[in-house]
Amino acid sequence: LRDFLLVYNRMTELCFRHCVCNLNYRLLTGREESCLDSCAARLVRANHRLMGAYVGLVPALLQRRAAEHGALAGPSGLPASPDPAPGPAES
């Protein structure tokens, strides 16, 4: 939710700065409104494309991390220990 709100706020700020140039009127002009519509649509499409690429890459990334974690772990699934644990002295 936080990430969504950050994206939404950034999009609003970018489109407002790009499209609204006259603050003397309470309502948007037709030109400002159409500019805002196209700006928001363009950014939403770009965000959907980015999220699609991200969703496509996540499984491979998770699989690679799991493989790296498995390589670091010993056969029992526990981290491999290069030195034996100190124990009581043998007689």
N, C-alpha and C. Protein backbone atom coordinates (compact mmCIF):
# COMPACT_ATOMS: atom_id res chain seq x y z
N LEU A 1 0.84 -1.19 0.00
CA LEU A 1 0.00 0.00 0.00
C LEU A 1 0.88 1.25 0.00
N ARG A 2 1.96 1.20 0.78
CA ARG A 2 2.86 2.35 0.84
C ARG A 2 3.48 2.63 -0.52
N ASP A 3 3.93 1.56 -1.19
CA ASP A 3 4.54 1.72 -2.51
C ASP A 3 3.53 2.26 -3.51
N PHE A 4 2.29 1.76 -3.44
CA PHE A 4 1.26 2.26 -4.34
C PHE A 4 1.03 3.76 -4.11
N LEU A 5 0.95 4.17 -2.86
CA LEU A 5 0.72 5.58 -2.56
C LEU A 5 1.89 6.45 -3.01
N LEU A 6 3.10 5.94 -2.87
CA LEU A 6 4.27 6.70 -3.34
C LEU A 6 4.22 6.89 -4.86
N VAL A 7 3.88 5.82 -5.58
CA VAL A 7 3.78 5.91 -7.04
C VAL A 7 2.67 6.87 -7.43
N TYR A 8 1.52 6.77 -6.77
CA TYR A 8 0.38 7.63 -7.08
C TYR A 8 0.72 9.10 -6.81
N ASN A 9 1.36 9.38 -5.69
CA ASN A 9 1.73 10.76 -5.37
C ASN A 9 2.75 11.31 -6.35
N ARG A 10 3.71 10.49 -6.73
CA ARG A 10 4.73 10.93 -7.69
C ARG A 10 4.10 11.20 -9.06
N MET A 11 3.19 10.33 -9.48
CA MET A 11 2.51 10.52 -10.74
C MET A 11 1.68 11.80 -10.72
N THR A 12 0.97 12.04 -9.64
CA THR A 12 0.17 13.25 -9.52
C THR A 12 1.04 14.49 -9.61
N GLU A 13 2.15 14.48 -8.92
CA GLU A 13 3.06 15.62 -8.93
C GLU A 13 3.64 15.86 -10.31
N LEU A 14 4.09 14.81 -10.97
CA LEU A 14 4.68 14.95 -12.31
C LEU A 14 3.66 15.51 -13.31
N CYS A 15 2.48 14.93 -13.33
CA CYS A 15 1.47 15.37 -14.29
C CYS A 15 0.99 16.78 -13.98
N PHE A 16 0.84 17.11 -12.72
CA PHE A 16 0.41 18.46 -12.36
C PHE A 16 1.44 19.48 -12.82
N ARG A 17 2.69 19.23 -12.54
CA ARG A 17 3.74 20.17 -12.94
C ARG A 17 3.84 20.30 -14.46
N HIS A 18 3.60 19.20 -15.15
CA HIS A 18 3.70 19.21 -16.61
C HIS A 18 2.51 19.90 -17.27
N CYS A 19 1.32 19.70 -16.72
CA CYS A 19 0.10 20.12 -17.42
C CYS A 19 -0.55 21.40 -16.91
N VAL A 20 -0.44 21.69 -15.63
CA VAL A 20 -1.14 22.84 -15.08
C VAL A 20 -0.17 24.00 -14.98
N CYS A 21 -0.45 25.04 -15.76
CA CYS A 21 0.47 26.17 -15.77
C CYS A 21 -0.20 27.47 -15.31
N ASN A 22 -1.52 27.47 -15.14
CA ASN A 22 -2.22 28.67 -14.73
C ASN A 22 -3.09 28.35 -13.51
N LEU A 23 -2.75 28.93 -12.38
CA LEU A 23 -3.48 28.66 -11.14
C LEU A 23 -4.49 29.76 -10.82
N ASN A 24 -4.86 30.57 -11.81
CA ASN A 24 -5.80 31.67 -11.58
C ASN A 24 -7.25 31.23 -11.59
N TYR A 25 -7.53 29.99 -11.99
CA TYR A 25 -8.90 29.50 -12.08
C TYR A 25 -9.10 28.33 -11.14
N ARG A 26 -10.33 28.23 -10.65
CA ARG A 26 -10.67 27.15 -9.73
C ARG A 26 -10.73 25.81 -10.45
N LEU A 27 -11.23 25.79 -11.69
CA LEU A 27 -11.39 24.57 -12.46
C LEU A 27 -10.29 24.45 -13.51
N LEU A 28 -10.08 23.24 -13.96
CA LEU A 28 -9.10 23.00 -15.02
C LEU A 28 -9.66 23.46 -16.36
N THR A 29 -8.79 23.91 -17.22
CA THR A 29 -9.21 24.21 -18.58
C THR A 29 -9.30 22.89 -19.34
N GLY A 30 -9.93 22.92 -20.49
CA GLY A 30 -10.05 21.71 -21.31
C GLY A 30 -8.69 21.17 -21.72
N ARG A 31 -7.79 22.07 -22.04
CA ARG A 31 -6.44 21.67 -22.44
C ARG A 31 -5.69 21.00 -21.28
N GLU A 32 -5.80 21.59 -20.08
CA GLU A 32 -5.14 21.01 -18.91
C GLU A 32 -5.72 19.64 -18.58
N GLU A 33 -7.04 19.52 -18.69
CA GLU A 33 -7.68 18.25 -18.37
C GLU A 33 -7.26 17.15 -19.34
N SER A 34 -7.21 17.46 -20.62
CA SER A 34 -6.80 16.44 -21.58
C SER A 34 -5.32 16.09 -21.40
N CYS A 35 -4.49 17.09 -21.06
CA CYS A 35 -3.07 16.83 -20.80
C CYS A 35 -2.92 15.91 -19.59
N LEU A 36 -3.68 16.18 -18.53
CA LEU A 36 -3.60 15.34 -17.32
C LEU A 36 -4.07 13.92 -17.61
N ASP A 37 -5.14 13.79 -18.40
CA ASP A 37 -5.63 12.45 -18.75
C ASP A 37 -4.57 11.65 -19.50
N SER A 38 -3.96 12.27 -20.50
CA SER A 38 -2.96 11.54 -21.28
C SER A 38 -1.70 11.28 -20.47
N CYS A 39 -1.31 12.22 -19.62
CA CYS A 39 -0.12 12.04 -18.77
C CYS A 39 -0.34 10.87 -17.81
N ALA A 40 -1.49 10.86 -17.13
CA ALA A 40 -1.78 9.79 -16.18
C ALA A 40 -1.86 8.44 -16.89
N ALA A 41 -2.50 8.40 -18.05
CA ALA A 41 -2.63 7.15 -18.79
C ALA A 41 -1.25 6.65 -19.21
N ARG A 42 -0.40 7.54 -19.65
CA ARG A 42 0.95 7.15 -20.07
C ARG A 42 1.74 6.57 -18.90
N LEU A 43 1.67 7.21 -17.74
CA LEU A 43 2.40 6.72 -16.58
C LEU A 43 1.83 5.41 -16.04
N VAL A 44 0.51 5.25 -16.10
CA VAL A 44 -0.11 4.00 -15.66
C VAL A 44 0.32 2.86 -16.57
N ARG A 45 0.32 3.10 -17.89
CA ARG A 45 0.78 2.06 -18.83
C ARG A 45 2.24 1.69 -18.57
N ALA A 46 3.07 2.70 -18.33
CA ALA A 46 4.48 2.43 -18.04
C ALA A 46 4.63 1.63 -16.76
N ASN A 47 3.84 1.97 -15.75
CA ASN A 47 3.89 1.24 -14.48
C ASN A 47 3.44 -0.21 -14.68
N HIS A 48 2.41 -0.44 -15.47
CA HIS A 48 1.95 -1.81 -15.75
C HIS A 48 3.02 -2.61 -16.47
N ARG A 49 3.71 -1.98 -17.41
CA ARG A 49 4.80 -2.68 -18.12
C ARG A 49 5.93 -3.03 -17.17
N LEU A 50 6.29 -2.10 -16.28
CA LEU A 50 7.34 -2.38 -15.30
C LEU A 50 6.95 -3.50 -14.36
N MET A 51 5.72 -3.47 -13.88
CA MET A 51 5.25 -4.52 -12.97
C MET A 51 5.20 -5.86 -13.67
N GLY A 52 4.81 -5.87 -14.95
CA GLY A 52 4.80 -7.12 -15.71
C GLY A 52 6.20 -7.70 -15.84
N ALA A 53 7.17 -6.84 -16.11
CA ALA A 53 8.56 -7.31 -16.21
C ALA A 53 9.04 -7.80 -14.85
N TYR A 54 8.69 -7.09 -13.79
CA TYR A 54 9.09 -7.48 -12.44
C TYR A 54 8.51 -8.84 -12.07
N VAL A 55 7.23 -9.03 -12.36
CA VAL A 55 6.57 -10.31 -12.05
C VAL A 55 7.21 -11.44 -12.85
N GLY A 56 7.66 -11.15 -14.06
CA GLY A 56 8.32 -12.16 -14.86
C GLY A 56 9.70 -12.52 -14.34
N LEU A 57 10.38 -11.57 -13.70
CA LEU A 57 11.74 -11.80 -13.21
C LEU A 57 11.80 -12.38 -11.80
N VAL A 58 10.78 -12.16 -11.00
CA VAL A 58 10.82 -12.59 -9.60
C VAL A 58 11.00 -14.10 -9.44
N PRO A 59 10.28 -14.95 -10.17
CA PRO A 59 10.49 -16.40 -9.96
C PRO A 59 11.94 -16.83 -10.23
N ALA A 60 12.55 -16.30 -11.28
CA ALA A 60 13.94 -16.65 -11.56
C ALA A 60 14.87 -16.15 -10.47
N LEU A 61 14.61 -14.96 -9.97
CA LEU A 61 15.42 -14.40 -8.88
C LEU A 61 15.28 -15.24 -7.61
N LEU A 62 14.07 -15.61 -7.27
CA LEU A 62 13.85 -16.44 -6.08
C LEU A 62 14.49 -17.82 -6.24
N GLN A 63 14.40 -18.38 -7.43
CA GLN A 63 15.01 -19.68 -7.68
C GLN A 63 16.53 -19.59 -7.54
N ARG A 64 17.13 -18.53 -8.06
CA ARG A 64 18.58 -18.36 -7.96
C ARG A 64 19.00 -18.19 -6.49
N ARG A 65 18.24 -17.41 -5.74
CA ARG A 65 18.56 -17.24 -4.32
C ARG A 65 18.44 -18.56 -3.57
N ALA A 66 17.42 -19.34 -3.88
CA ALA A 66 17.26 -20.64 -3.23
C ALA A 66 18.42 -21.55 -3.57
N ALA A 67 18.87 -21.51 -4.82
CA ALA A 67 20.00 -22.35 -5.21
C ALA A 67 21.27 -21.91 -4.50
N GLU A 68 21.48 -20.60 -4.39
CA GLU A 68 22.65 -20.11 -3.67
C GLU A 68 22.59 -20.49 -2.20
N HIS A 69 21.41 -20.39 -1.61
CA HIS A 69 21.25 -20.75 -0.21
C HIS A 69 21.48 -22.25 -0.02
N GLY A 70 21.00 -23.05 -0.97
CA GLY A 70 21.20 -24.50 -0.90
C GLY A 70 22.67 -24.87 -1.06
N ALA A 71 23.41 -24.12 -1.86
CA ALA A 71 24.83 -24.40 -2.05
C ALA A 71 25.62 -24.06 -0.79
N LEU A 72 25.18 -23.05 -0.07
CA LEU A 72 25.87 -22.67 1.17
C LEU A 72 25.55 -23.63 2.30
N ALA A 73 24.40 -24.28 2.25
CA ALA A 73 24.00 -25.21 3.31
C ALA A 73 24.61 -26.57 3.04
N GLY A 74 24.83 -27.31 4.09
CA GLY A 74 25.36 -28.66 3.97
C GLY A 74 24.27 -29.62 3.52
N PRO A 75 24.58 -30.92 3.43
CA PRO A 75 23.59 -31.90 2.98
C PRO A 75 22.40 -32.00 3.92
N SER A 76 22.58 -31.69 5.19
CA SER A 76 21.46 -31.78 6.13
C SER A 76 20.59 -30.54 6.10
N GLY A 77 20.96 -29.53 5.30
CA GLY A 77 20.19 -28.30 5.24
C GLY A 77 20.71 -27.25 6.19
N LEU A 78 21.68 -27.64 7.03
CA LEU A 78 22.28 -26.69 7.96
C LEU A 78 23.54 -26.11 7.33
N PRO A 79 23.94 -24.92 7.73
CA PRO A 79 25.16 -24.35 7.17
C PRO A 79 26.35 -25.27 7.40
N ALA A 80 27.17 -25.40 6.38
CA ALA A 80 28.35 -26.26 6.46
C ALA A 80 29.34 -25.65 7.43
N SER A 81 29.95 -26.49 8.26
CA SER A 81 30.93 -26.03 9.24
C SER A 81 32.29 -26.58 8.84
N PRO A 82 33.28 -25.71 8.54
CA PRO A 82 34.58 -26.21 8.10
C PRO A 82 35.37 -26.87 9.23
N ASP A 83 35.21 -26.43 10.47
CA ASP A 83 35.95 -27.01 11.59
C ASP A 83 34.98 -27.77 12.49
N PRO A 84 35.41 -28.91 13.01
CA PRO A 84 34.52 -29.64 13.94
C PRO A 84 34.33 -28.82 15.21
N ALA A 85 33.19 -28.98 15.80
CA ALA A 85 32.90 -28.25 17.03
C ALA A 85 33.77 -28.76 18.16
N PRO A 86 34.28 -27.87 18.99
CA PRO A 86 35.11 -28.32 20.10
C PRO A 86 34.28 -29.16 21.06
N GLY A 87 34.83 -30.25 21.49
CA GLY A 87 34.13 -31.14 22.41
C GLY A 87 35.07 -31.58 23.52
N PRO A 88 34.61 -32.51 24.34
CA PRO A 88 35.49 -32.99 25.40
C PRO A 88 36.71 -33.71 24.82
N ALA A 89 37.81 -33.58 25.50
CA ALA A 89 39.07 -34.21 25.03
C ALA A 89 38.91 -35.72 25.07
N GLU A 90 39.38 -36.37 24.00
CA GLU A 90 39.29 -37.83 23.95
C GLU A 90 40.47 -38.44 24.68
N SER A 91 40.25 -39.56 25.33
CA SER A 91 41.34 -40.22 26.04
C SER A 91 41.99 -41.29 25.25
